[in-house]
Amino acid sequence: MRLPMKPSTLRHGLNLWPPFLFTGIHVTAIARDWRHARVELRMRPWNRNYVGTHFGGSLFAMTDPF
């Protein structure tokens, strides 16, 4: 069975997707069999809450599409 898209193509597209691009979310890997993805959220001033940890909305946005 031929899949319509390669995981690397989706990874590059997700990294350019505005909700990921502007919040600092980076998809580092998607498995060849599509079973798992590795996603990073680097600490930036725009995704930090008032106590200095990651904002919960950014954490949810990081995992929602998967």
PDB file of N, CA and C in Angstrom:
ATOM      1  N   MET A   1       0.836  -1.179   0.000  1.00  0.00           N
ATOM      2  CA  MET A   1       0.000   0.000   0.000  1.00  0.00           C
ATOM      3  C   MET A   1       0.882   1.244   0.000  1.00  0.00           C
ATOM      4  N   ARG A   2       0.630   2.140  -0.888  1.00  0.00           N
ATOM      5  CA  ARG A   2       1.428   3.371  -0.982  1.00  0.00           C
ATOM      6  C   ARG A   2       0.739   4.476  -0.190  1.00  0.00           C
ATOM      7  N   LEU A   3       1.497   5.081   0.706  1.00  0.00           N
ATOM      8  CA  LEU A   3       0.967   6.187   1.499  1.00  0.00           C
ATOM      9  C   LEU A   3       1.032   7.480   0.684  1.00  0.00           C
ATOM     10  N   PRO A   4       0.083   8.372   0.851  1.00  0.00           N
ATOM     11  CA  PRO A   4       0.046   9.584   0.033  1.00  0.00           C
ATOM     12  C   PRO A   4       1.139  10.608   0.354  1.00  0.00           C
ATOM     13  N   MET A   5       1.718  10.521   1.549  1.00  0.00           N
ATOM     14  CA  MET A   5       2.721  11.514   1.944  1.00  0.00           C
ATOM     15  C   MET A   5       3.793  10.847   2.798  1.00  0.00           C
ATOM     16  N   LYS A   6       5.036  11.279   2.608  1.00  0.00           N
ATOM     17  CA  LYS A   6       6.126  10.771   3.439  1.00  0.00           C
ATOM     18  C   LYS A   6       6.134  11.512   4.773  1.00  0.00           C
ATOM     19  N   PRO A   7       6.577  10.850   5.845  1.00  0.00           N
ATOM     20  CA  PRO A   7       6.642  11.519   7.147  1.00  0.00           C
ATOM     21  C   PRO A   7       7.525  12.771   7.139  1.00  0.00           C
ATOM     22  N   SER A   8       8.594  12.755   6.388  1.00  0.00           N
ATOM     23  CA  SER A   8       9.476  13.925   6.358  1.00  0.00           C
ATOM     24  C   SER A   8       8.787  15.126   5.717  1.00  0.00           C
ATOM     25  N   THR A   9       7.931  14.883   4.732  1.00  0.00           N
ATOM     26  CA  THR A   9       7.180  15.968   4.101  1.00  0.00           C
ATOM     27  C   THR A   9       6.210  16.589   5.090  1.00  0.00           C
ATOM     28  N   LEU A  10       5.511  15.755   5.843  1.00  0.00           N
ATOM     29  CA  LEU A  10       4.594  16.265   6.857  1.00  0.00           C
ATOM     30  C   LEU A  10       5.351  17.021   7.942  1.00  0.00           C
ATOM     31  N   ARG A  11       6.519  16.514   8.346  1.00  0.00           N
ATOM     32  CA  ARG A  11       7.325  17.177   9.379  1.00  0.00           C
ATOM     33  C   ARG A  11       7.707  18.580   8.936  1.00  0.00           C
ATOM     34  N   HIS A  12       8.179  18.725   7.714  1.00  0.00           N
ATOM     35  CA  HIS A  12       8.554  20.053   7.210  1.00  0.00           C
ATOM     36  C   HIS A  12       7.336  20.974   7.126  1.00  0.00           C
ATOM     37  N   GLY A  13       6.213  20.434   6.687  1.00  0.00           N
ATOM     38  CA  GLY A  13       4.998  21.234   6.602  1.00  0.00           C
ATOM     39  C   GLY A  13       4.516  21.691   7.971  1.00  0.00           C
ATOM     40  N   LEU A  14       4.565  20.812   8.959  1.00  0.00           N
ATOM     41  CA  LEU A  14       4.137  21.190  10.302  1.00  0.00           C
ATOM     42  C   LEU A  14       5.056  22.238  10.913  1.00  0.00           C
ATOM     43  N   ASN A  15       6.347  22.162  10.608  1.00  0.00           N
ATOM     44  CA  ASN A  15       7.265  23.169  11.136  1.00  0.00           C
ATOM     45  C   ASN A  15       7.019  24.547  10.538  1.00  0.00           C
ATOM     46  N   LEU A  16       6.390  24.617   9.368  1.00  0.00           N
ATOM     47  CA  LEU A  16       6.049  25.902   8.752  1.00  0.00           C
ATOM     48  C   LEU A  16       4.618  26.330   9.040  1.00  0.00           C
ATOM     49  N   TRP A  17       3.838  25.483   9.685  1.00  0.00           N
ATOM     50  CA  TRP A  17       2.443  25.781  10.023  1.00  0.00           C
ATOM     51  C   TRP A  17       2.433  26.922  11.042  1.00  0.00           C
ATOM     52  N   PRO A  18       1.705  28.011  10.808  1.00  0.00           N
ATOM     53  CA  PRO A  18       1.769  29.185  11.686  1.00  0.00           C
ATOM     54  C   PRO A  18       1.573  28.923  13.186  1.00  0.00           C
ATOM     55  N   PRO A  19       0.620  28.073  13.614  1.00  0.00           N
ATOM     56  CA  PRO A  19       0.521  27.852  15.064  1.00  0.00           C
ATOM     57  C   PRO A  19       1.788  27.243  15.671  1.00  0.00           C
ATOM     58  N   PHE A  20       2.509  26.444  14.909  1.00  0.00           N
ATOM     59  CA  PHE A  20       3.772  25.887  15.409  1.00  0.00           C
ATOM     60  C   PHE A  20       4.912  26.881  15.219  1.00  0.00           C
ATOM     61  N   LEU A  21       4.966  27.504  14.070  1.00  0.00           N
ATOM     62  CA  LEU A  21       6.060  28.413  13.740  1.00  0.00           C
ATOM     63  C   LEU A  21       6.160  29.572  14.726  1.00  0.00           C
ATOM     64  N   PHE A  22       5.026  30.174  15.094  1.00  0.00           N
ATOM     65  CA  PHE A  22       5.055  31.365  15.930  1.00  0.00           C
ATOM     66  C   PHE A  22       5.052  31.083  17.428  1.00  0.00           C
ATOM     67  N   THR A  23       4.887  29.827  17.819  1.00  0.00           N
ATOM     68  CA  THR A  23       4.947  29.506  19.248  1.00  0.00           C
ATOM     69  C   THR A  23       6.257  28.834  19.631  1.00  0.00           C
ATOM     70  N   GLY A  24       7.114  28.536  18.671  1.00  0.00           N
ATOM     71  CA  GLY A  24       8.396  27.915  18.969  1.00  0.00           C
ATOM     72  C   GLY A  24       8.350  26.398  19.026  1.00  0.00           C
ATOM     73  N   ILE A  25       7.263  25.802  18.530  1.00  0.00           N
ATOM     74  CA  ILE A  25       7.140  24.345  18.518  1.00  0.00           C
ATOM     75  C   ILE A  25       7.870  23.817  17.292  1.00  0.00           C
ATOM     76  N   HIS A  26       8.643  22.739  17.492  1.00  0.00           N
ATOM     77  CA  HIS A  26       9.438  22.170  16.405  1.00  0.00           C
ATOM     78  C   HIS A  26       9.252  20.658  16.381  1.00  0.00           C
ATOM     79  N   VAL A  27       8.791  20.132  15.244  1.00  0.00           N
ATOM     80  CA  VAL A  27       8.669  18.686  15.071  1.00  0.00           C
ATOM     81  C   VAL A  27      10.030  18.177  14.621  1.00  0.00           C
ATOM     82  N   THR A  28      10.681  17.374  15.454  1.00  0.00           N
ATOM     83  CA  THR A  28      12.026  16.899  15.137  1.00  0.00           C
ATOM     84  C   THR A  28      12.028  15.585  14.384  1.00  0.00           C
ATOM     85  N   ALA A  29      11.007  14.740  14.584  1.00  0.00           N
ATOM     86  CA  ALA A  29      10.979  13.442  13.904  1.00  0.00           C
ATOM     87  C   ALA A  29       9.563  12.892  13.880  1.00  0.00           C
ATOM     88  N   ILE A  30       9.262  12.196  12.795  1.00  0.00           N
ATOM     89  CA  ILE A  30       8.045  11.403  12.685  1.00  0.00           C
ATOM     90  C   ILE A  30       8.489  10.033  12.202  1.00  0.00           C
ATOM     91  N   ALA A  31       8.024   9.001  12.885  1.00  0.00           N
ATOM     92  CA  ALA A  31       8.445   7.640  12.553  1.00  0.00           C
ATOM     93  C   ALA A  31       8.015   7.258  11.143  1.00  0.00           C
ATOM     94  N   ARG A  32       8.794   6.411  10.513  1.00  0.00           N
ATOM     95  CA  ARG A  32       8.488   5.967   9.151  1.00  0.00           C
ATOM     96  C   ARG A  32       7.165   5.214   9.074  1.00  0.00           C
ATOM     97  N   ASP A  33       6.790   4.569  10.183  1.00  0.00           N
ATOM     98  CA  ASP A  33       5.518   3.837  10.209  1.00  0.00           C
ATOM     99  C   ASP A  33       4.380   4.681  10.790  1.00  0.00           C
ATOM    100  N   TRP A  34       4.607   5.964  11.023  1.00  0.00           N
ATOM    101  CA  TRP A  34       3.628   6.941  11.493  1.00  0.00           C
ATOM    102  C   TRP A  34       3.138   6.671  12.912  1.00  0.00           C
ATOM    103  N   ARG A  35       3.833   5.868  13.693  1.00  0.00           N
ATOM    104  CA  ARG A  35       3.345   5.504  15.020  1.00  0.00           C
ATOM    105  C   ARG A  35       3.720   6.494  16.111  1.00  0.00           C
ATOM    106  N   HIS A  36       4.757   7.272  15.920  1.00  0.00           N
ATOM    107  CA  HIS A  36       5.108   8.264  16.932  1.00  0.00           C
ATOM    108  C   HIS A  36       5.797   9.471  16.292  1.00  0.00           C
ATOM    109  N   ALA A  37       5.746  10.564  17.037  1.00  0.00           N
ATOM    110  CA  ALA A  37       6.388  11.805  16.605  1.00  0.00           C
ATOM    111  C   ALA A  37       7.133  12.396  17.793  1.00  0.00           C
ATOM    112  N   ARG A  38       8.227  13.063  17.520  1.00  0.00           N
ATOM    113  CA  ARG A  38       8.988  13.760  18.553  1.00  0.00           C
ATOM    114  C   ARG A  38       8.835  15.258  18.294  1.00  0.00           C
ATOM    115  N   VAL A  39       8.376  15.961  19.322  1.00  0.00           N
ATOM    116  CA  VAL A  39       8.089  17.386  19.209  1.00  0.00           C
ATOM    117  C   VAL A  39       8.786  18.109  20.356  1.00  0.00           C
ATOM    118  N   GLU A  40       9.385  19.262  20.063  1.00  0.00           N
ATOM    119  CA  GLU A  40      10.080  20.055  21.084  1.00  0.00           C
ATOM    120  C   GLU A  40       9.435  21.429  21.205  1.00  0.00           C
ATOM    121  N   LEU A  41       9.467  21.944  22.402  1.00  0.00           N
ATOM    122  CA  LEU A  41       9.023  23.319  22.657  1.00  0.00           C
ATOM    123  C   LEU A  41      10.119  24.001  23.461  1.00  0.00           C
ATOM    124  N   ARG A  42      10.843  24.860  22.803  1.00  0.00           N
ATOM    125  CA  ARG A  42      11.918  25.584  23.486  1.00  0.00           C
ATOM    126  C   ARG A  42      11.329  26.746  24.274  1.00  0.00           C
ATOM    127  N   MET A  43      11.942  27.031  25.420  1.00  0.00           N
ATOM    128  CA  MET A  43      11.476  28.127  26.264  1.00  0.00           C
ATOM    129  C   MET A  43      11.817  29.460  25.597  1.00  0.00           C
ATOM    130  N   ARG A  44      10.802  30.245  25.342  1.00  0.00           N
ATOM    131  CA  ARG A  44      10.942  31.563  24.745  1.00  0.00           C
ATOM    132  C   ARG A  44      10.112  32.545  25.572  1.00  0.00           C
ATOM    133  N   PRO A  45      10.400  33.832  25.475  1.00  0.00           N
ATOM    134  CA  PRO A  45       9.605  34.810  26.241  1.00  0.00           C
ATOM    135  C   PRO A  45       8.113  34.771  25.903  1.00  0.00           C
ATOM    136  N   TRP A  46       7.745  34.430  24.665  1.00  0.00           N
ATOM    137  CA  TRP A  46       6.332  34.434  24.273  1.00  0.00           C
ATOM    138  C   TRP A  46       5.592  33.148  24.645  1.00  0.00           C
ATOM    139  N   ASN A  47       6.295  32.116  25.163  1.00  0.00           N
ATOM    140  CA  ASN A  47       5.575  30.924  25.609  1.00  0.00           C
ATOM    141  C   ASN A  47       5.877  30.599  27.078  1.00  0.00           C
ATOM    142  N   ARG A  48       6.265  31.608  27.825  1.00  0.00           N
ATOM    143  CA  ARG A  48       6.577  31.464  29.249  1.00  0.00           C
ATOM    144  C   ARG A  48       5.463  32.120  30.056  1.00  0.00           C
ATOM    145  N   ASN A  49       5.038  31.454  31.126  1.00  0.00           N
ATOM    146  CA  ASN A  49       3.998  32.062  31.962  1.00  0.00           C
ATOM    147  C   ASN A  49       4.635  32.885  33.079  1.00  0.00           C
ATOM    148  N   TYR A  50       3.833  33.399  33.973  1.00  0.00           N
ATOM    149  CA  TYR A  50       4.329  34.335  34.982  1.00  0.00           C
ATOM    150  C   TYR A  50       5.245  33.707  36.030  1.00  0.00           C
ATOM    151  N   VAL A  51       5.241  32.396  36.184  1.00  0.00           N
ATOM    152  CA  VAL A  51       6.153  31.751  37.140  1.00  0.00           C
ATOM    153  C   VAL A  51       7.393  31.184  36.460  1.00  0.00           C
ATOM    154  N   GLY A  52       7.548  31.410  35.143  1.00  0.00           N
ATOM    155  CA  GLY A  52       8.761  31.026  34.434  1.00  0.00           C
ATOM    156  C   GLY A  52       8.749  29.637  33.828  1.00  0.00           C
ATOM    157  N   THR A  53       7.586  29.009  33.728  1.00  0.00           N
ATOM    158  CA  THR A  53       7.489  27.699  33.085  1.00  0.00           C
ATOM    159  C   THR A  53       6.708  27.833  31.785  1.00  0.00           C
ATOM    160  N   HIS A  54       6.634  26.752  31.024  1.00  0.00           N
ATOM    161  CA  HIS A  54       5.909  26.794  29.760  1.00  0.00           C
ATOM    162  C   HIS A  54       4.425  27.083  29.976  1.00  0.00           C
ATOM    163  N   PHE A  55       3.876  27.896  29.100  1.00  0.00           N
ATOM    164  CA  PHE A  55       2.455  28.219  29.106  1.00  0.00           C
ATOM    165  C   PHE A  55       1.668  26.968  28.705  1.00  0.00           C
ATOM    166  N   GLY A  56       0.595  26.670  29.423  1.00  0.00           N
ATOM    167  CA  GLY A  56      -0.194  25.462  29.176  1.00  0.00           C
ATOM    168  C   GLY A  56      -0.811  25.405  27.793  1.00  0.00           C
ATOM    169  N   GLY A  57      -1.199  26.551  27.253  1.00  0.00           N
ATOM    170  CA  GLY A  57      -1.761  26.578  25.905  1.00  0.00           C
ATOM    171  C   GLY A  57      -0.752  26.142  24.856  1.00  0.00           C
ATOM    172  N   SER A  58       0.506  26.512  25.041  1.00  0.00           N
ATOM    173  CA  SER A  58       1.550  26.091  24.108  1.00  0.00           C
ATOM    174  C   SER A  58       1.794  24.590  24.214  1.00  0.00           C
ATOM    175  N   LEU A  59       1.744  24.068  25.425  1.00  0.00           N
ATOM    176  CA  LEU A  59       1.917  22.621  25.618  1.00  0.00           C
ATOM    177  C   LEU A  59       0.776  21.851  24.963  1.00  0.00           C
ATOM    178  N   PHE A  60      -0.439  22.339  25.108  1.00  0.00           N
ATOM    179  CA  PHE A  60      -1.575  21.685  24.467  1.00  0.00           C
ATOM    180  C   PHE A  60      -1.463  21.771  22.946  1.00  0.00           C
ATOM    181  N   ALA A  61      -1.083  22.942  22.426  1.00  0.00           N
ATOM    182  CA  ALA A  61      -0.941  23.120  20.979  1.00  0.00           C
ATOM    183  C   ALA A  61       0.139  22.198  20.413  1.00  0.00           C
ATOM    184  N   MET A  62       1.128  21.896  21.230  1.00  0.00           N
ATOM    185  CA  MET A  62       2.221  21.025  20.792  1.00  0.00           C
ATOM    186  C   MET A  62       1.732  19.592  20.578  1.00  0.00           C
ATOM    187  N   THR A  63       0.789  19.134  21.357  1.00  0.00           N
ATOM    188  CA  THR A  63       0.362  17.742  21.282  1.00  0.00           C
ATOM    189  C   THR A  63      -0.980  17.550  20.575  1.00  0.00           C
ATOM    190  N   ASP A  64      -1.753  18.596  20.377  1.00  0.00           N
ATOM    191  CA  ASP A  64      -3.107  18.479  19.820  1.00  0.00           C
ATOM    192  C   ASP A  64      -3.172  17.808  18.445  1.00  0.00           C
ATOM    193  N   PRO A  65      -2.338  18.170  17.456  1.00  0.00           N
ATOM    194  CA  PRO A  65      -2.483  17.545  16.134  1.00  0.00           C
ATOM    195  C   PRO A  65      -2.120  16.071  16.093  1.00  0.00           C
ATOM    196  N   PHE A  66      -1.417  15.585  17.110  1.00  0.00           N
ATOM    197  CA  PHE A  66      -0.952  14.200  17.073  1.00  0.00           C
ATOM    198  C   PHE A  66      -1.870  13.324  17.871  1.00  0.00           C
TER     199      PHE A  66
END
